[in-house]
Amino acid sequence: MSHPDEKKTRITTIRVTETQHEIISSCATEKGMSLGEYMTYRSMQKEGLSPELLARIMNVVNIAVRIAKDTAPESVSMLDREVNALWSLLS
C-alpha cells in the first residue's frame, strides 16, 4: 500500500466483464475494501500463486496423502487437518 501522506493524483479506468466485476467486488467486500482500494492492493502485491503453482502444490499434497494412507494411516487425520489449513491460507 502507499504511504498515508502520498497523494493519489492519477485516475485509471479499466473495462471488465460483468462476471469479473462481480468477482472483484465480492473479493473487495470480503476484505472490507472499496473496489479501487482492492484493485490497487492486489496490483501492488508481488507475484502471487499462479494457477500452475497452485496445481503443483495440490498434486504434491495429494501424493503425500496417498503415501500416508498406505504407510501411516494413523497420521492421515493430522495430515488432513494441515492440508485444510493450507488451502484456507491459499484461498
N, C-alpha and C. Protein backbone atom coordinates (compact mmCIF):
# COMPACT_ATOMS: atom_id res chain seq x y z
N MET A 1 0.84 -1.18 0.00
CA MET A 1 0.00 0.00 0.00
C MET A 1 0.89 1.24 0.00
N SER A 2 0.30 2.34 -0.41
CA SER A 2 1.05 3.58 -0.49
C SER A 2 1.17 4.21 0.89
N HIS A 3 2.11 5.11 0.99
CA HIS A 3 2.31 5.84 2.24
C HIS A 3 1.09 6.71 2.49
N PRO A 4 0.64 6.83 3.75
CA PRO A 4 -0.58 7.60 4.04
C PRO A 4 -0.52 9.05 3.56
N ASP A 5 0.68 9.65 3.50
CA ASP A 5 0.81 11.04 3.09
C ASP A 5 0.91 11.20 1.57
N GLU A 6 1.03 10.08 0.85
CA GLU A 6 1.17 10.13 -0.59
C GLU A 6 -0.18 10.44 -1.24
N LYS A 7 -0.21 11.51 -2.05
CA LYS A 7 -1.47 11.88 -2.70
C LYS A 7 -1.69 11.00 -3.92
N LYS A 8 -2.93 10.64 -4.11
CA LYS A 8 -3.31 9.85 -5.27
C LYS A 8 -3.84 10.82 -6.31
N THR A 9 -3.02 11.09 -7.31
CA THR A 9 -3.36 12.10 -8.31
C THR A 9 -3.73 11.50 -9.66
N ARG A 10 -3.50 10.22 -9.86
CA ARG A 10 -3.77 9.59 -11.15
C ARG A 10 -5.08 8.82 -11.11
N ILE A 11 -5.86 8.93 -12.17
CA ILE A 11 -7.10 8.19 -12.30
C ILE A 11 -6.93 7.23 -13.48
N THR A 12 -7.27 5.98 -13.24
CA THR A 12 -7.17 4.96 -14.29
C THR A 12 -8.51 4.27 -14.43
N THR A 13 -8.97 4.16 -15.66
CA THR A 13 -10.23 3.48 -15.93
C THR A 13 -9.92 2.18 -16.64
N ILE A 14 -10.59 1.11 -16.24
CA ILE A 14 -10.41 -0.18 -16.91
C ILE A 14 -11.78 -0.73 -17.28
N ARG A 15 -11.79 -1.61 -18.23
CA ARG A 15 -13.02 -2.30 -18.62
C ARG A 15 -12.91 -3.75 -18.18
N VAL A 16 -13.97 -4.23 -17.57
CA VAL A 16 -14.04 -5.63 -17.15
C VAL A 16 -15.41 -6.18 -17.53
N THR A 17 -15.48 -7.49 -17.59
CA THR A 17 -16.78 -8.11 -17.86
C THR A 17 -17.65 -8.01 -16.62
N GLU A 18 -18.92 -8.27 -16.78
CA GLU A 18 -19.84 -8.26 -15.64
C GLU A 18 -19.41 -9.30 -14.61
N THR A 19 -19.00 -10.48 -15.07
CA THR A 19 -18.56 -11.54 -14.17
C THR A 19 -17.30 -11.12 -13.42
N GLN A 20 -16.34 -10.55 -14.12
CA GLN A 20 -15.12 -10.08 -13.47
C GLN A 20 -15.44 -9.02 -12.42
N HIS A 21 -16.34 -8.11 -12.76
CA HIS A 21 -16.72 -7.06 -11.81
C HIS A 21 -17.34 -7.66 -10.55
N GLU A 22 -18.21 -8.62 -10.73
CA GLU A 22 -18.85 -9.27 -9.58
C GLU A 22 -17.81 -9.96 -8.70
N ILE A 23 -16.86 -10.65 -9.32
CA ILE A 23 -15.82 -11.35 -8.55
C ILE A 23 -14.96 -10.35 -7.79
N ILE A 24 -14.51 -9.30 -8.49
CA ILE A 24 -13.66 -8.29 -7.84
C ILE A 24 -14.42 -7.61 -6.71
N SER A 25 -15.68 -7.25 -6.95
CA SER A 25 -16.49 -6.60 -5.92
C SER A 25 -16.67 -7.50 -4.71
N SER A 26 -16.91 -8.77 -4.95
CA SER A 26 -17.08 -9.73 -3.86
C SER A 26 -15.80 -9.84 -3.03
N CYS A 27 -14.67 -9.94 -3.72
CA CYS A 27 -13.39 -10.04 -3.01
C CYS A 27 -13.11 -8.78 -2.21
N ALA A 28 -13.42 -7.62 -2.79
CA ALA A 28 -13.22 -6.35 -2.08
C ALA A 28 -14.08 -6.30 -0.83
N THR A 29 -15.32 -6.72 -0.95
CA THR A 29 -16.23 -6.73 0.19
C THR A 29 -15.71 -7.64 1.30
N GLU A 30 -15.22 -8.82 0.91
CA GLU A 30 -14.68 -9.76 1.90
C GLU A 30 -13.51 -9.16 2.66
N LYS A 31 -12.71 -8.32 1.98
CA LYS A 31 -11.55 -7.69 2.61
C LYS A 31 -11.90 -6.37 3.29
N GLY A 32 -13.16 -5.94 3.16
CA GLY A 32 -13.57 -4.67 3.77
C GLY A 32 -12.99 -3.47 3.04
N MET A 33 -12.82 -3.59 1.73
CA MET A 33 -12.21 -2.52 0.94
C MET A 33 -13.17 -2.07 -0.14
N SER A 34 -12.92 -0.86 -0.64
CA SER A 34 -13.66 -0.42 -1.83
C SER A 34 -13.07 -1.14 -3.03
N LEU A 35 -13.77 -1.08 -4.14
CA LEU A 35 -13.30 -1.72 -5.36
C LEU A 35 -11.92 -1.18 -5.76
N GLY A 36 -11.77 0.13 -5.75
CA GLY A 36 -10.49 0.76 -6.11
C GLY A 36 -9.37 0.39 -5.16
N GLU A 37 -9.67 0.40 -3.85
CA GLU A 37 -8.66 0.02 -2.87
C GLU A 37 -8.20 -1.42 -3.08
N TYR A 38 -9.17 -2.29 -3.33
CA TYR A 38 -8.85 -3.71 -3.52
C TYR A 38 -7.99 -3.91 -4.77
N MET A 39 -8.37 -3.26 -5.88
CA MET A 39 -7.61 -3.42 -7.11
C MET A 39 -6.20 -2.86 -6.96
N THR A 40 -6.05 -1.75 -6.27
CA THR A 40 -4.72 -1.20 -6.02
C THR A 40 -3.91 -2.14 -5.14
N TYR A 41 -4.53 -2.62 -4.07
CA TYR A 41 -3.87 -3.53 -3.14
C TYR A 41 -3.36 -4.77 -3.87
N ARG A 42 -4.24 -5.38 -4.68
CA ARG A 42 -3.86 -6.61 -5.39
C ARG A 42 -2.79 -6.35 -6.44
N SER A 43 -2.85 -5.22 -7.12
CA SER A 43 -1.87 -4.96 -8.17
C SER A 43 -0.50 -4.62 -7.61
N MET A 44 -0.45 -4.16 -6.38
CA MET A 44 0.82 -3.79 -5.78
C MET A 44 1.50 -4.96 -5.05
N GLN A 45 0.80 -6.07 -4.91
CA GLN A 45 1.40 -7.24 -4.29
C GLN A 45 2.39 -7.87 -5.25
N LYS A 46 3.39 -8.54 -4.67
CA LYS A 46 4.33 -9.28 -5.50
C LYS A 46 3.57 -10.41 -6.17
N GLU A 47 4.19 -10.98 -7.18
CA GLU A 47 3.56 -12.09 -7.89
C GLU A 47 3.04 -13.11 -6.89
N GLY A 48 1.80 -13.44 -7.03
CA GLY A 48 1.17 -14.39 -6.14
C GLY A 48 1.32 -15.81 -6.65
N LEU A 49 0.47 -16.63 -6.18
CA LEU A 49 0.48 -18.02 -6.58
C LEU A 49 -0.31 -18.16 -7.88
N SER A 50 0.38 -18.55 -8.91
CA SER A 50 -0.28 -18.73 -10.20
C SER A 50 -1.12 -20.00 -10.16
N PRO A 51 -2.08 -20.13 -11.06
CA PRO A 51 -2.86 -21.36 -11.12
C PRO A 51 -1.97 -22.60 -11.30
N GLU A 52 -0.90 -22.44 -12.07
CA GLU A 52 0.02 -23.56 -12.29
C GLU A 52 0.71 -23.96 -10.99
N LEU A 53 1.14 -22.97 -10.22
CA LEU A 53 1.80 -23.26 -8.95
C LEU A 53 0.82 -23.90 -7.96
N LEU A 54 -0.39 -23.37 -7.90
CA LEU A 54 -1.40 -23.97 -7.03
C LEU A 54 -1.67 -25.42 -7.41
N ALA A 55 -1.73 -25.71 -8.71
CA ALA A 55 -1.96 -27.08 -9.17
C ALA A 55 -0.81 -27.99 -8.76
N ARG A 56 0.40 -27.50 -8.86
CA ARG A 56 1.56 -28.32 -8.46
C ARG A 56 1.56 -28.58 -6.96
N ILE A 57 1.22 -27.56 -6.18
CA ILE A 57 1.13 -27.74 -4.72
C ILE A 57 0.07 -28.79 -4.41
N MET A 58 -1.09 -28.68 -5.07
CA MET A 58 -2.17 -29.63 -4.84
C MET A 58 -1.72 -31.06 -5.20
N ASN A 59 -1.00 -31.21 -6.30
CA ASN A 59 -0.53 -32.54 -6.69
C ASN A 59 0.43 -33.12 -5.65
N VAL A 60 1.35 -32.31 -5.16
CA VAL A 60 2.31 -32.78 -4.15
C VAL A 60 1.58 -33.19 -2.88
N VAL A 61 0.63 -32.38 -2.45
CA VAL A 61 -0.13 -32.68 -1.24
C VAL A 61 -0.94 -33.96 -1.43
N ASN A 62 -1.56 -34.13 -2.59
CA ASN A 62 -2.34 -35.34 -2.85
C ASN A 62 -1.46 -36.58 -2.84
N ILE A 63 -0.26 -36.48 -3.39
CA ILE A 63 0.68 -37.60 -3.35
C ILE A 63 1.05 -37.92 -1.91
N ALA A 64 1.31 -36.89 -1.11
CA ALA A 64 1.65 -37.11 0.30
C ALA A 64 0.52 -37.80 1.04
N VAL A 65 -0.71 -37.41 0.76
CA VAL A 65 -1.86 -38.04 1.41
C VAL A 65 -1.96 -39.51 1.03
N ARG A 66 -1.76 -39.82 -0.28
CA ARG A 66 -1.80 -41.22 -0.72
C ARG A 66 -0.71 -42.05 -0.04
N ILE A 67 0.49 -41.49 0.05
CA ILE A 67 1.59 -42.20 0.70
C ILE A 67 1.27 -42.43 2.17
N ALA A 68 0.74 -41.41 2.83
CA ALA A 68 0.40 -41.55 4.24
C ALA A 68 -0.66 -42.62 4.45
N LYS A 69 -1.65 -42.67 3.57
CA LYS A 69 -2.71 -43.69 3.71
C LYS A 69 -2.13 -45.09 3.60
N ASP A 70 -1.12 -45.26 2.73
CA ASP A 70 -0.51 -46.58 2.54
C ASP A 70 0.48 -46.95 3.64
N THR A 71 1.23 -45.98 4.12
CA THR A 71 2.32 -46.29 5.04
C THR A 71 2.04 -45.94 6.50
N ALA A 72 1.23 -44.93 6.72
CA ALA A 72 0.97 -44.50 8.10
C ALA A 72 -0.46 -44.00 8.23
N PRO A 73 -1.43 -44.92 8.14
CA PRO A 73 -2.84 -44.49 8.16
C PRO A 73 -3.23 -43.70 9.40
N GLU A 74 -2.52 -43.93 10.50
CA GLU A 74 -2.87 -43.21 11.73
C GLU A 74 -2.55 -41.72 11.64
N SER A 75 -1.68 -41.33 10.72
CA SER A 75 -1.31 -39.92 10.60
C SER A 75 -2.15 -39.17 9.56
N VAL A 76 -3.05 -39.85 8.89
CA VAL A 76 -3.84 -39.23 7.83
C VAL A 76 -4.73 -38.11 8.36
N SER A 77 -5.35 -38.31 9.53
CA SER A 77 -6.23 -37.26 10.05
C SER A 77 -5.45 -35.99 10.37
N MET A 78 -4.23 -36.14 10.91
CA MET A 78 -3.40 -34.97 11.18
C MET A 78 -3.02 -34.28 9.86
N LEU A 79 -2.67 -35.07 8.86
CA LEU A 79 -2.31 -34.53 7.56
C LEU A 79 -3.51 -33.83 6.92
N ASP A 80 -4.69 -34.41 7.06
CA ASP A 80 -5.91 -33.78 6.53
C ASP A 80 -6.14 -32.41 7.16
N ARG A 81 -5.96 -32.31 8.47
CA ARG A 81 -6.14 -31.02 9.15
C ARG A 81 -5.15 -29.98 8.61
N GLU A 82 -3.90 -30.40 8.44
CA GLU A 82 -2.88 -29.47 7.95
C GLU A 82 -3.15 -29.06 6.50
N VAL A 83 -3.61 -30.00 5.69
CA VAL A 83 -3.94 -29.69 4.30
C VAL A 83 -5.11 -28.69 4.25
N ASN A 84 -6.12 -28.92 5.06
CA ASN A 84 -7.25 -27.98 5.09
C ASN A 84 -6.80 -26.59 5.53
N ALA A 85 -5.89 -26.52 6.49
CA ALA A 85 -5.37 -25.24 6.93
C ALA A 85 -4.58 -24.57 5.81
N LEU A 86 -3.81 -25.36 5.07
CA LEU A 86 -3.05 -24.84 3.95
C LEU A 86 -3.98 -24.25 2.89
N TRP A 87 -5.02 -24.98 2.52
CA TRP A 87 -5.96 -24.50 1.50
C TRP A 87 -6.66 -23.23 1.98
N SER A 88 -6.95 -23.14 3.28
CA SER A 88 -7.59 -21.93 3.81
C SER A 88 -6.68 -20.72 3.62
N LEU A 89 -5.38 -20.92 3.86
CA LEU A 89 -4.44 -19.82 3.70
C LEU A 89 -4.26 -19.43 2.23
N LEU A 90 -4.34 -20.40 1.34
CA LEU A 90 -4.11 -20.13 -0.08
C LEU A 90 -5.32 -19.55 -0.78
N SER A 91 -6.50 -19.71 -0.19
CA SER A 91 -7.69 -19.23 -0.88
C SER A 91 -8.08 -17.84 -0.43
